[in-house]
Amino acid sequence: MALQLTQKETQLLEDQKTHEKVCIEKYQQYASQASDPQLKQLFQSFAQQEQQHLNTITSIMNGQVPTMNQGQQAQQSSQSQSNQATNLTSQSSPSSATASNADAMICNDMLMTEKYVSNAYDTAIFEFKDTNVRQALNHIQKEEQKHGEGIFNYLSSKGMYNVQ
C-alpha cells in the first residue's frame, strides 16, 4: 500500500527537498572553492550524503515508505562517512598550516546551514503520522548533525573555532 501524505506532510517534504538541493549545491560549489584538500574531500563526501537525503525525500513523496532495513544500511553508510570526516579532521593538528580566511567563511556558512536544516527536520519529524517516515527523517537529521560536527571538528582543528 502506497503512503498517503497529508497536505502538511507534503509541504514539509517540499521544504526539506529544497533544503537538500541547496545543501548539495553549496557543498559542491564550496568543495571546488576550498583551498585545503581535506576540506574539499569533506565537502565532496557531504554532498554525496545530501544527495542520498534528497533521494529518500523524493521516494517518500512518491509514496514509498522507507523500511528499517534500508535505514540500517544508510546508518552504516553514515557511520562510515562520519568516521571518514573524523579521520580527515584529525589528520591535521592546530599547529599545521592555517587554512585561508575563505575556507573559514565557507565552513561557517555551511555550519549555519546545517543548524538550520537540522532544526527544520526536527519540526517535520513531529508532524508525520507514519512511524517509518518519522524514523527516516530522524535518521537524516542525525546525519545533518554529523555534518555539523564534521565542520566543527575541521574548524577547531585549524584553530578557526574556539570553544570558550
N, C-alpha and C. Protein backbone atom coordinates (compact mmCIF):
# COMPACT_ATOMS: atom_id res chain seq x y z
N MET A 1 0.84 -1.19 0.00
CA MET A 1 0.00 0.00 0.00
C MET A 1 0.89 1.24 0.00
N ALA A 2 0.60 2.14 -0.90
CA ALA A 2 1.40 3.36 -1.02
C ALA A 2 1.10 4.32 0.13
N LEU A 3 2.07 5.05 0.47
CA LEU A 3 1.96 6.03 1.54
C LEU A 3 1.08 7.19 1.08
N GLN A 4 0.12 7.56 1.91
CA GLN A 4 -0.75 8.70 1.62
C GLN A 4 -0.34 9.85 2.52
N LEU A 5 0.19 10.90 1.94
CA LEU A 5 0.67 12.05 2.70
C LEU A 5 -0.43 13.10 2.84
N THR A 6 -0.46 13.76 3.99
CA THR A 6 -1.37 14.89 4.17
C THR A 6 -0.79 16.10 3.42
N GLN A 7 -1.61 17.11 3.30
CA GLN A 7 -1.14 18.34 2.64
C GLN A 7 0.04 18.94 3.41
N LYS A 8 -0.04 18.93 4.74
CA LYS A 8 1.03 19.48 5.56
C LYS A 8 2.31 18.65 5.41
N GLU A 9 2.19 17.33 5.42
CA GLU A 9 3.36 16.48 5.24
C GLU A 9 4.02 16.73 3.89
N THR A 10 3.19 16.87 2.87
CA THR A 10 3.72 17.14 1.53
C THR A 10 4.47 18.46 1.50
N GLN A 11 3.91 19.48 2.13
CA GLN A 11 4.58 20.79 2.15
C GLN A 11 5.90 20.72 2.92
N LEU A 12 5.90 20.02 4.03
CA LEU A 12 7.14 19.87 4.81
C LEU A 12 8.20 19.14 3.99
N LEU A 13 7.80 18.12 3.25
CA LEU A 13 8.75 17.40 2.40
C LEU A 13 9.25 18.27 1.26
N GLU A 14 8.38 19.09 0.71
CA GLU A 14 8.82 20.04 -0.34
C GLU A 14 9.90 20.98 0.22
N ASP A 15 9.67 21.46 1.44
CA ASP A 15 10.67 22.32 2.08
C ASP A 15 11.99 21.58 2.26
N GLN A 16 11.91 20.34 2.78
CA GLN A 16 13.14 19.57 3.00
C GLN A 16 13.84 19.25 1.69
N LYS A 17 13.07 19.01 0.66
CA LYS A 17 13.64 18.75 -0.67
C LYS A 17 14.44 19.97 -1.14
N THR A 18 13.87 21.14 -0.94
CA THR A 18 14.57 22.38 -1.31
C THR A 18 15.83 22.54 -0.47
N HIS A 19 15.75 22.26 0.82
CA HIS A 19 16.92 22.38 1.69
C HIS A 19 18.03 21.44 1.23
N GLU A 20 17.67 20.22 0.88
CA GLU A 20 18.67 19.25 0.44
C GLU A 20 19.32 19.69 -0.87
N LYS A 21 18.53 20.22 -1.79
CA LYS A 21 19.09 20.71 -3.05
C LYS A 21 20.08 21.84 -2.81
N VAL A 22 19.73 22.74 -1.90
CA VAL A 22 20.63 23.86 -1.57
C VAL A 22 21.91 23.33 -0.94
N CYS A 23 21.78 22.37 -0.04
CA CYS A 23 22.98 21.79 0.59
C CYS A 23 23.89 21.13 -0.45
N ILE A 24 23.30 20.37 -1.36
CA ILE A 24 24.10 19.72 -2.40
C ILE A 24 24.85 20.77 -3.21
N GLU A 25 24.13 21.79 -3.65
CA GLU A 25 24.74 22.83 -4.47
C GLU A 25 25.85 23.57 -3.71
N LYS A 26 25.58 23.91 -2.47
CA LYS A 26 26.59 24.64 -1.68
C LYS A 26 27.82 23.78 -1.42
N TYR A 27 27.62 22.51 -1.03
CA TYR A 27 28.77 21.64 -0.78
C TYR A 27 29.60 21.45 -2.05
N GLN A 28 28.93 21.29 -3.18
CA GLN A 28 29.67 21.11 -4.44
C GLN A 28 30.44 22.38 -4.80
N GLN A 29 29.78 23.53 -4.70
CA GLN A 29 30.45 24.80 -5.01
C GLN A 29 31.61 25.04 -4.06
N TYR A 30 31.37 24.85 -2.78
CA TYR A 30 32.41 25.12 -1.79
C TYR A 30 33.56 24.12 -1.88
N ALA A 31 33.27 22.88 -2.27
CA ALA A 31 34.35 21.90 -2.47
C ALA A 31 35.29 22.38 -3.57
N SER A 32 34.72 22.98 -4.60
CA SER A 32 35.57 23.46 -5.70
C SER A 32 36.31 24.74 -5.33
N GLN A 33 35.79 25.50 -4.37
CA GLN A 33 36.41 26.76 -3.96
C GLN A 33 37.43 26.60 -2.82
N ALA A 34 37.30 25.54 -2.06
CA ALA A 34 38.15 25.35 -0.88
C ALA A 34 39.62 25.22 -1.29
N SER A 35 40.49 25.84 -0.49
CA SER A 35 41.92 25.75 -0.79
C SER A 35 42.55 24.53 -0.12
N ASP A 36 41.98 24.06 0.97
CA ASP A 36 42.51 22.92 1.71
C ASP A 36 41.97 21.61 1.11
N PRO A 37 42.84 20.70 0.66
CA PRO A 37 42.37 19.43 0.09
C PRO A 37 41.51 18.62 1.05
N GLN A 38 41.79 18.69 2.34
CA GLN A 38 40.97 17.97 3.32
C GLN A 38 39.55 18.52 3.33
N LEU A 39 39.42 19.83 3.26
CA LEU A 39 38.10 20.44 3.25
C LEU A 39 37.36 20.09 1.96
N LYS A 40 38.05 20.09 0.84
CA LYS A 40 37.44 19.69 -0.43
C LYS A 40 36.86 18.29 -0.30
N GLN A 41 37.63 17.36 0.24
CA GLN A 41 37.19 15.98 0.36
C GLN A 41 36.01 15.86 1.33
N LEU A 42 36.06 16.58 2.43
CA LEU A 42 34.98 16.57 3.40
C LEU A 42 33.68 17.06 2.75
N PHE A 43 33.75 18.16 2.03
CA PHE A 43 32.56 18.72 1.39
C PHE A 43 32.05 17.82 0.27
N GLN A 44 32.94 17.17 -0.47
CA GLN A 44 32.50 16.24 -1.51
C GLN A 44 31.75 15.07 -0.90
N SER A 45 32.24 14.57 0.22
CA SER A 45 31.59 13.47 0.93
C SER A 45 30.21 13.90 1.42
N PHE A 46 30.12 15.09 1.99
CA PHE A 46 28.84 15.58 2.49
C PHE A 46 27.86 15.82 1.34
N ALA A 47 28.33 16.28 0.19
CA ALA A 47 27.45 16.49 -0.97
C ALA A 47 26.83 15.17 -1.40
N GLN A 48 27.62 14.11 -1.39
CA GLN A 48 27.09 12.79 -1.75
C GLN A 48 26.03 12.33 -0.77
N GLN A 49 26.26 12.57 0.49
CA GLN A 49 25.28 12.17 1.50
C GLN A 49 24.01 13.01 1.39
N GLU A 50 24.15 14.28 1.07
CA GLU A 50 22.97 15.13 0.88
C GLU A 50 22.16 14.63 -0.31
N GLN A 51 22.82 14.10 -1.34
CA GLN A 51 22.11 13.53 -2.48
C GLN A 51 21.30 12.31 -2.04
N GLN A 52 21.85 11.52 -1.14
CA GLN A 52 21.10 10.37 -0.60
C GLN A 52 19.87 10.86 0.16
N HIS A 53 20.02 11.95 0.91
CA HIS A 53 18.88 12.53 1.63
C HIS A 53 17.80 12.94 0.64
N LEU A 54 18.21 13.62 -0.43
CA LEU A 54 17.25 14.07 -1.45
C LEU A 54 16.54 12.87 -2.07
N ASN A 55 17.27 11.81 -2.34
CA ASN A 55 16.66 10.61 -2.91
C ASN A 55 15.63 10.01 -1.96
N THR A 56 15.94 10.01 -0.66
CA THR A 56 14.99 9.48 0.33
C THR A 56 13.74 10.34 0.39
N ILE A 57 13.91 11.65 0.42
CA ILE A 57 12.76 12.56 0.45
C ILE A 57 11.89 12.36 -0.79
N THR A 58 12.53 12.25 -1.95
CA THR A 58 11.80 12.05 -3.20
C THR A 58 11.02 10.74 -3.16
N SER A 59 11.63 9.69 -2.63
CA SER A 59 10.95 8.39 -2.52
C SER A 59 9.71 8.50 -1.63
N ILE A 60 9.85 9.19 -0.51
CA ILE A 60 8.71 9.38 0.39
C ILE A 60 7.60 10.15 -0.32
N MET A 61 7.99 11.18 -1.06
CA MET A 61 6.99 11.98 -1.78
C MET A 61 6.29 11.15 -2.87
N ASN A 62 6.98 10.13 -3.36
CA ASN A 62 6.39 9.23 -4.37
C ASN A 62 5.60 8.09 -3.74
N GLY A 63 5.41 8.15 -2.41
CA GLY A 63 4.57 7.18 -1.73
C GLY A 63 5.28 5.94 -1.24
N GLN A 64 6.59 5.92 -1.31
CA GLN A 64 7.35 4.75 -0.88
C GLN A 64 7.76 4.94 0.58
N VAL A 65 7.33 4.01 1.41
CA VAL A 65 7.65 4.08 2.83
C VAL A 65 9.03 3.46 3.05
N PRO A 66 9.95 4.22 3.66
CA PRO A 66 11.27 3.65 3.95
C PRO A 66 11.13 2.49 4.94
N THR A 67 11.95 1.44 4.74
CA THR A 67 11.91 0.31 5.66
C THR A 67 13.09 0.40 6.61
N MET A 68 12.97 -0.27 7.73
CA MET A 68 14.04 -0.25 8.73
C MET A 68 15.33 -0.82 8.17
N ASN A 69 15.25 -1.85 7.30
CA ASN A 69 16.44 -2.45 6.74
C ASN A 69 17.23 -1.42 5.94
N GLN A 70 16.55 -0.62 5.12
CA GLN A 70 17.24 0.43 4.37
C GLN A 70 17.85 1.45 5.31
N GLY A 71 17.13 1.76 6.37
CA GLY A 71 17.63 2.72 7.35
C GLY A 71 18.89 2.22 8.03
N GLN A 72 18.93 0.92 8.31
CA GLN A 72 20.11 0.36 8.94
C GLN A 72 21.30 0.41 8.00
N GLN A 73 21.08 0.14 6.71
CA GLN A 73 22.16 0.23 5.73
C GLN A 73 22.64 1.67 5.60
N ALA A 74 21.69 2.59 5.56
CA ALA A 74 22.06 4.00 5.46
C ALA A 74 22.81 4.44 6.71
N GLN A 75 22.41 3.89 7.88
CA GLN A 75 23.10 4.25 9.11
C GLN A 75 24.54 3.76 9.08
N GLN A 76 24.76 2.56 8.54
CA GLN A 76 26.12 2.06 8.43
C GLN A 76 26.93 2.94 7.49
N SER A 77 26.32 3.35 6.37
CA SER A 77 26.99 4.24 5.43
C SER A 77 27.29 5.58 6.09
N SER A 78 26.33 6.08 6.85
CA SER A 78 26.53 7.34 7.55
C SER A 78 27.67 7.24 8.55
N GLN A 79 27.72 6.13 9.28
CA GLN A 79 28.78 5.96 10.27
C GLN A 79 30.13 5.91 9.58
N SER A 80 30.19 5.25 8.43
CA SER A 80 31.44 5.19 7.66
C SER A 80 31.86 6.59 7.23
N GLN A 81 30.91 7.39 6.73
CA GLN A 81 31.24 8.74 6.30
C GLN A 81 31.59 9.62 7.49
N SER A 82 30.93 9.40 8.61
CA SER A 82 31.25 10.17 9.80
C SER A 82 32.67 9.86 10.27
N ASN A 83 33.03 8.57 10.24
CA ASN A 83 34.39 8.19 10.60
C ASN A 83 35.40 8.81 9.64
N GLN A 84 35.05 8.86 8.36
CA GLN A 84 35.93 9.47 7.37
C GLN A 84 36.13 10.95 7.69
N ALA A 85 35.06 11.64 8.04
CA ALA A 85 35.16 13.06 8.38
C ALA A 85 36.03 13.25 9.61
N THR A 86 35.87 12.37 10.61
CA THR A 86 36.69 12.46 11.81
C THR A 86 38.15 12.22 11.48
N ASN A 87 38.41 11.23 10.63
CA ASN A 87 39.80 10.94 10.24
C ASN A 87 40.40 12.10 9.47
N LEU A 88 39.61 12.73 8.61
CA LEU A 88 40.12 13.86 7.84
C LEU A 88 40.53 15.00 8.76
N THR A 89 39.68 15.28 9.74
CA THR A 89 39.97 16.43 10.60
C THR A 89 41.04 16.12 11.63
N SER A 90 41.19 14.85 11.98
CA SER A 90 42.19 14.53 12.99
C SER A 90 43.58 14.37 12.40
N GLN A 91 43.68 14.36 11.06
CA GLN A 91 44.99 14.21 10.43
C GLN A 91 45.84 15.46 10.61
N SER A 92 45.22 16.58 10.80
CA SER A 92 45.98 17.81 10.95
C SER A 92 45.81 18.34 12.35
N SER A 93 46.85 18.94 12.86
CA SER A 93 46.80 19.49 14.20
C SER A 93 46.62 21.00 14.11
N PRO A 94 46.23 21.63 15.22
CA PRO A 94 46.08 23.07 15.20
C PRO A 94 47.38 23.78 14.82
N SER A 95 48.51 23.10 14.96
CA SER A 95 49.78 23.74 14.64
C SER A 95 50.11 23.67 13.14
N SER A 96 49.35 22.88 12.36
CA SER A 96 49.63 22.82 10.94
C SER A 96 49.20 24.12 10.27
N ALA A 97 49.56 24.23 9.00
CA ALA A 97 49.31 25.48 8.27
C ALA A 97 47.84 25.90 8.41
N THR A 98 47.65 27.16 8.66
CA THR A 98 46.29 27.69 8.85
C THR A 98 45.58 27.79 7.51
N ALA A 99 44.35 27.29 7.48
CA ALA A 99 43.56 27.40 6.25
C ALA A 99 43.20 28.85 6.01
N SER A 100 42.87 29.15 4.79
CA SER A 100 42.59 30.53 4.41
C SER A 100 41.32 31.06 5.07
N ASN A 101 41.22 32.39 5.09
CA ASN A 101 40.00 33.03 5.61
C ASN A 101 38.79 32.63 4.78
N ALA A 102 39.00 32.39 3.48
CA ALA A 102 37.89 31.97 2.62
C ALA A 102 37.39 30.60 3.05
N ASP A 103 38.28 29.68 3.42
CA ASP A 103 37.86 28.37 3.90
C ASP A 103 37.08 28.51 5.20
N ALA A 104 37.51 29.38 6.07
CA ALA A 104 36.79 29.60 7.33
C ALA A 104 35.39 30.15 7.05
N MET A 105 35.30 31.06 6.09
CA MET A 105 34.00 31.65 5.75
C MET A 105 33.03 30.60 5.22
N ILE A 106 33.50 29.74 4.31
CA ILE A 106 32.59 28.74 3.76
C ILE A 106 32.22 27.69 4.81
N CYS A 107 33.14 27.39 5.69
CA CYS A 107 32.81 26.45 6.78
C CYS A 107 31.75 27.04 7.69
N ASN A 108 31.89 28.29 8.05
CA ASN A 108 30.90 28.93 8.92
C ASN A 108 29.54 29.00 8.24
N ASP A 109 29.53 29.26 6.93
CA ASP A 109 28.27 29.29 6.20
C ASP A 109 27.61 27.91 6.23
N MET A 110 28.39 26.86 6.00
CA MET A 110 27.82 25.51 5.99
C MET A 110 27.41 25.07 7.40
N LEU A 111 28.13 25.50 8.41
CA LEU A 111 27.74 25.17 9.78
C LEU A 111 26.38 25.81 10.10
N MET A 112 26.20 27.06 9.71
CA MET A 112 24.91 27.72 9.92
C MET A 112 23.81 27.02 9.12
N THR A 113 24.12 26.62 7.90
CA THR A 113 23.15 25.93 7.05
C THR A 113 22.74 24.61 7.69
N GLU A 114 23.70 23.84 8.17
CA GLU A 114 23.39 22.55 8.80
C GLU A 114 22.54 22.73 10.06
N LYS A 115 22.81 23.77 10.82
CA LYS A 115 21.99 24.04 12.01
C LYS A 115 20.54 24.30 11.61
N TYR A 116 20.36 25.09 10.58
CA TYR A 116 19.01 25.43 10.10
C TYR A 116 18.29 24.18 9.60
N VAL A 117 18.98 23.40 8.75
CA VAL A 117 18.36 22.21 8.15
C VAL A 117 18.01 21.19 9.23
N SER A 118 18.90 20.99 10.19
CA SER A 118 18.63 20.05 11.28
C SER A 118 17.38 20.48 12.06
N ASN A 119 17.26 21.77 12.31
CA ASN A 119 16.10 22.29 13.03
C ASN A 119 14.81 22.07 12.22
N ALA A 120 14.89 22.25 10.91
CA ALA A 120 13.71 22.04 10.07
C ALA A 120 13.27 20.57 10.11
N TYR A 121 14.24 19.65 10.15
CA TYR A 121 13.90 18.24 10.28
C TYR A 121 13.25 17.97 11.62
N ASP A 122 13.71 18.62 12.67
CA ASP A 122 13.14 18.44 13.99
C ASP A 122 11.65 18.76 13.97
N THR A 123 11.29 19.86 13.34
CA THR A 123 9.88 20.24 13.23
C THR A 123 9.11 19.23 12.40
N ALA A 124 9.67 18.83 11.26
CA ALA A 124 8.97 17.91 10.37
C ALA A 124 8.70 16.56 11.03
N ILE A 125 9.65 16.07 11.78
CA ILE A 125 9.51 14.76 12.41
C ILE A 125 8.24 14.69 13.25
N PHE A 126 7.93 15.75 13.97
CA PHE A 126 6.76 15.75 14.85
C PHE A 126 5.44 15.86 14.09
N GLU A 127 5.48 16.19 12.83
CA GLU A 127 4.26 16.40 12.05
C GLU A 127 3.84 15.19 11.22
N PHE A 128 4.65 14.13 11.20
CA PHE A 128 4.33 12.96 10.38
C PHE A 128 3.66 11.88 11.20
N LYS A 129 2.63 11.27 10.62
CA LYS A 129 1.89 10.23 11.32
C LYS A 129 2.51 8.85 11.13
N ASP A 130 3.22 8.62 10.02
CA ASP A 130 3.80 7.31 9.74
C ASP A 130 5.13 7.14 10.49
N THR A 131 5.21 6.10 11.29
CA THR A 131 6.40 5.85 12.12
C THR A 131 7.65 5.66 11.28
N ASN A 132 7.54 4.93 10.18
CA ASN A 132 8.72 4.68 9.34
C ASN A 132 9.24 5.97 8.69
N VAL A 133 8.33 6.85 8.31
CA VAL A 133 8.74 8.13 7.75
C VAL A 133 9.43 8.96 8.83
N ARG A 134 8.84 8.96 10.01
CA ARG A 134 9.47 9.70 11.13
C ARG A 134 10.88 9.18 11.39
N GLN A 135 11.05 7.87 11.36
CA GLN A 135 12.37 7.29 11.59
C GLN A 135 13.35 7.67 10.48
N ALA A 136 12.87 7.68 9.25
CA ALA A 136 13.73 8.07 8.12
C ALA A 136 14.17 9.53 8.26
N LEU A 137 13.23 10.39 8.60
CA LEU A 137 13.55 11.81 8.78
C LEU A 137 14.48 12.02 9.96
N ASN A 138 14.27 11.25 11.02
CA ASN A 138 15.16 11.34 12.18
C ASN A 138 16.56 10.89 11.82
N HIS A 139 16.67 9.86 11.01
CA HIS A 139 17.97 9.38 10.56
C HIS A 139 18.69 10.47 9.75
N ILE A 140 17.96 11.11 8.85
CA ILE A 140 18.55 12.19 8.05
C ILE A 140 19.00 13.32 8.96
N GLN A 141 18.15 13.67 9.94
CA GLN A 141 18.51 14.74 10.87
C GLN A 141 19.81 14.42 11.60
N LYS A 142 19.97 13.19 12.03
CA LYS A 142 21.20 12.79 12.72
C LYS A 142 22.41 12.94 11.80
N GLU A 143 22.23 12.62 10.53
CA GLU A 143 23.33 12.79 9.58
C GLU A 143 23.66 14.27 9.38
N GLU A 144 22.63 15.11 9.35
CA GLU A 144 22.86 16.56 9.24
C GLU A 144 23.67 17.04 10.45
N GLN A 145 23.35 16.51 11.61
CA GLN A 145 24.10 16.88 12.82
C GLN A 145 25.54 16.39 12.74
N LYS A 146 25.75 15.22 12.13
CA LYS A 146 27.11 14.71 11.94
C LYS A 146 27.88 15.62 10.97
N HIS A 147 27.21 16.16 9.98
CA HIS A 147 27.86 17.10 9.07
C HIS A 147 28.32 18.32 9.86
N GLY A 148 27.44 18.83 10.71
CA GLY A 148 27.81 19.97 11.55
C GLY A 148 28.98 19.65 12.45
N GLU A 149 28.98 18.44 12.99
CA GLU A 149 30.08 18.02 13.85
C GLU A 149 31.39 17.94 13.06
N GLY A 150 31.31 17.41 11.83
CA GLY A 150 32.50 17.32 10.98
C GLY A 150 33.07 18.69 10.66
N ILE A 151 32.18 19.64 10.37
CA ILE A 151 32.62 21.01 10.08
C ILE A 151 33.21 21.65 11.32
N PHE A 152 32.54 21.47 12.45
CA PHE A 152 33.05 22.00 13.71
C PHE A 152 34.45 21.44 13.99
N ASN A 153 34.60 20.12 13.84
CA ASN A 153 35.91 19.49 14.11
C ASN A 153 36.98 20.03 13.17
N TYR A 154 36.63 20.24 11.92
CA TYR A 154 37.58 20.80 10.96
C TYR A 154 38.01 22.20 11.42
N LEU A 155 37.02 23.04 11.69
CA LEU A 155 37.32 24.41 12.11
C LEU A 155 38.17 24.43 13.38
N SER A 156 37.79 23.59 14.33
CA SER A 156 38.51 23.52 15.59
C SER A 156 39.96 23.06 15.39
N SER A 157 40.14 22.04 14.54
CA SER A 157 41.48 21.51 14.30
C SER A 157 42.39 22.52 13.63
N LYS A 158 41.79 23.48 12.93
CA LYS A 158 42.57 24.51 12.24
C LYS A 158 42.69 25.80 13.07
N GLY A 159 42.17 25.76 14.29
CA GLY A 159 42.23 26.93 15.15
C GLY A 159 41.29 28.04 14.72
N MET A 160 40.25 27.70 13.97
CA MET A 160 39.33 28.71 13.46
C MET A 160 38.02 28.77 14.24
N TYR A 161 37.86 27.89 15.22
CA TYR A 161 36.62 27.87 16.01
C TYR A 161 37.03 27.49 17.42
N ASN A 162 37.05 28.44 18.29
CA ASN A 162 37.49 28.19 19.66
C ASN A 162 36.32 28.21 20.60
N VAL A 163 36.09 27.08 21.26
CA VAL A 163 35.03 26.99 22.26
C VAL A 163 35.60 27.53 23.57
N GLN A 164 34.88 28.46 24.16
CA GLN A 164 35.39 29.09 25.38
C GLN A 164 34.64 28.65 26.59
